[in-house]
Protein backbone atom coordinates (compact mmCIF):
# COMPACT_ATOMS: atom_id res chain seq x y z
CA UNK A 1 -6.49 34.62 -20.58
CA UNK A 2 -2.60 34.04 -21.43
CA UNK A 3 -0.89 36.26 -19.25
CA UNK A 4 -3.97 34.52 -16.09
CA UNK A 5 -2.66 30.50 -17.02
CA UNK A 6 0.99 31.33 -16.12
CA UNK A 7 0.75 33.28 -13.14
CA UNK A 8 -1.67 30.88 -12.25
CA UNK A 9 1.04 27.59 -13.46
CA UNK A 10 3.33 29.77 -11.23
CA UNK A 11 1.25 30.24 -8.11
CA UNK A 12 1.44 26.02 -8.66
CA UNK A 13 5.50 26.27 -8.77
CA UNK A 14 5.43 27.59 -6.06
CA UNK A 15 3.24 25.63 -4.06
CA UNK A 16 5.06 22.74 -5.12
CA UNK A 17 8.57 23.91 -4.37
CA UNK A 18 7.26 24.97 -0.69
CA UNK A 19 5.48 21.20 -0.69
CA UNK A 20 8.71 19.89 -0.89
CA UNK A 21 10.15 21.21 1.33
CA UNK A 22 8.69 21.03 3.51
CA UNK A 23 8.26 17.25 3.11
CA UNK A 24 12.19 17.30 2.83
CA UNK A 25 12.83 19.35 5.52
CA UNK A 26 14.62 18.51 9.24
CA UNK A 27 10.97 17.95 11.19
CA UNK A 28 9.24 15.54 8.21
CA UNK A 29 12.21 13.36 8.76
CA UNK A 30 12.77 13.16 12.23
CA UNK A 31 8.19 12.58 11.71
CA UNK A 32 8.90 9.75 9.75
CA UNK A 33 12.10 8.17 11.52
CA UNK A 34 9.51 8.21 14.88
CA UNK A 35 6.71 6.86 13.22
CA UNK A 36 7.73 4.09 10.25
CA UNK A 37 7.24 0.56 11.14
CA UNK A 38 9.08 -2.09 9.21
CA UNK A 39 6.76 -4.76 10.24
CA UNK A 40 4.54 -3.39 7.31
CA UNK A 41 7.01 -3.83 5.12
CA UNK A 42 6.78 -7.37 3.06
CA UNK A 43 10.17 -8.52 2.31
CA UNK A 44 9.90 -11.47 0.64
CA UNK A 45 6.36 -13.55 -0.04
CA UNK A 46 5.27 -16.73 1.09
CA UNK A 47 6.81 -18.69 -2.29
CA UNK A 48 4.41 -22.37 -1.30
CA UNK A 49 1.57 -19.20 -1.15
CA UNK A 50 1.75 -17.47 -4.28
CA UNK A 51 2.70 -21.20 -6.15
CA UNK A 52 -0.76 -22.61 -4.50
CA UNK A 53 -2.11 -19.67 -5.93
CA UNK A 54 -1.09 -19.76 -9.64
CA UNK A 55 -1.97 -23.60 -9.24
CA UNK A 56 -5.64 -22.85 -8.51
CA UNK A 57 -5.86 -20.62 -10.24
CA UNK A 58 -4.75 -22.06 -13.87
CA UNK A 59 -6.86 -25.18 -13.09
CA UNK A 60 -9.50 -23.14 -12.09
CA UNK A 61 -9.69 -21.15 -15.99
CA UNK A 62 -8.56 -24.66 -17.29
CA UNK A 63 -11.93 -26.25 -16.36
CA UNK A 64 -13.41 -23.10 -15.96
CA UNK A 65 -14.57 -23.40 -12.27
CA UNK A 66 -15.60 -20.04 -10.54
CA UNK A 67 -15.13 -22.60 -6.98
CA UNK A 68 -11.66 -23.34 -7.65
CA UNK A 69 -10.88 -19.08 -9.10
CA UNK A 70 -12.55 -18.12 -5.66
CA UNK A 71 -10.52 -20.51 -3.65
CA UNK A 72 -7.32 -19.22 -4.95
CA UNK A 73 -8.09 -15.34 -4.75
CA UNK A 74 -8.45 -16.12 -1.42
CA UNK A 75 -5.36 -18.35 -1.00
CA UNK A 76 -3.73 -15.13 -2.64
CA UNK A 77 -5.84 -12.62 -0.36
CA UNK A 78 -4.96 -14.51 2.82
CA UNK A 79 -1.64 -13.75 3.51
CA UNK A 80 -3.24 -9.87 4.07
CA UNK A 81 -4.47 -11.81 7.89
CA UNK A 82 -1.85 -10.31 9.62
CA UNK A 83 -1.20 -6.94 8.40
CA UNK A 84 -5.03 -6.38 9.22
CA UNK A 85 -4.67 -8.18 13.13
CA UNK A 86 -1.58 -5.13 13.44
CA UNK A 87 -3.91 -2.76 12.15
CA UNK A 88 -6.74 -3.71 14.36
CA UNK A 89 -4.05 -3.72 17.59
CA UNK A 90 -2.97 -1.10 16.82
CA UNK A 91 -6.31 0.78 16.57
CA UNK A 92 -6.69 -0.95 20.22
CA UNK A 93 -4.35 0.88 21.79
CA UNK A 94 -4.64 3.90 20.31
CA UNK A 95 -8.04 3.76 22.20
CA UNK A 96 -6.99 2.85 25.40
């Protein structure tokens, strides 16, 4: 059993080494460079939106109001609207 586990571990280590070689190769680097879309990176958050969400969440906790808590989450998650639109636009382009 010990020898079988050793053999399995050796095969796993070889597979990981091969995967790393593929991912760190020039082809993978070129593909990443061509497909990288910096518009998906969040460089800075909306400070006003975060502050508003925090205030709403604090007040909702203080007065035990689930509607305010829901509103706080909506304010917080609304930042993803542009990302969702960009994804929808890309899907539309791919389907053309």
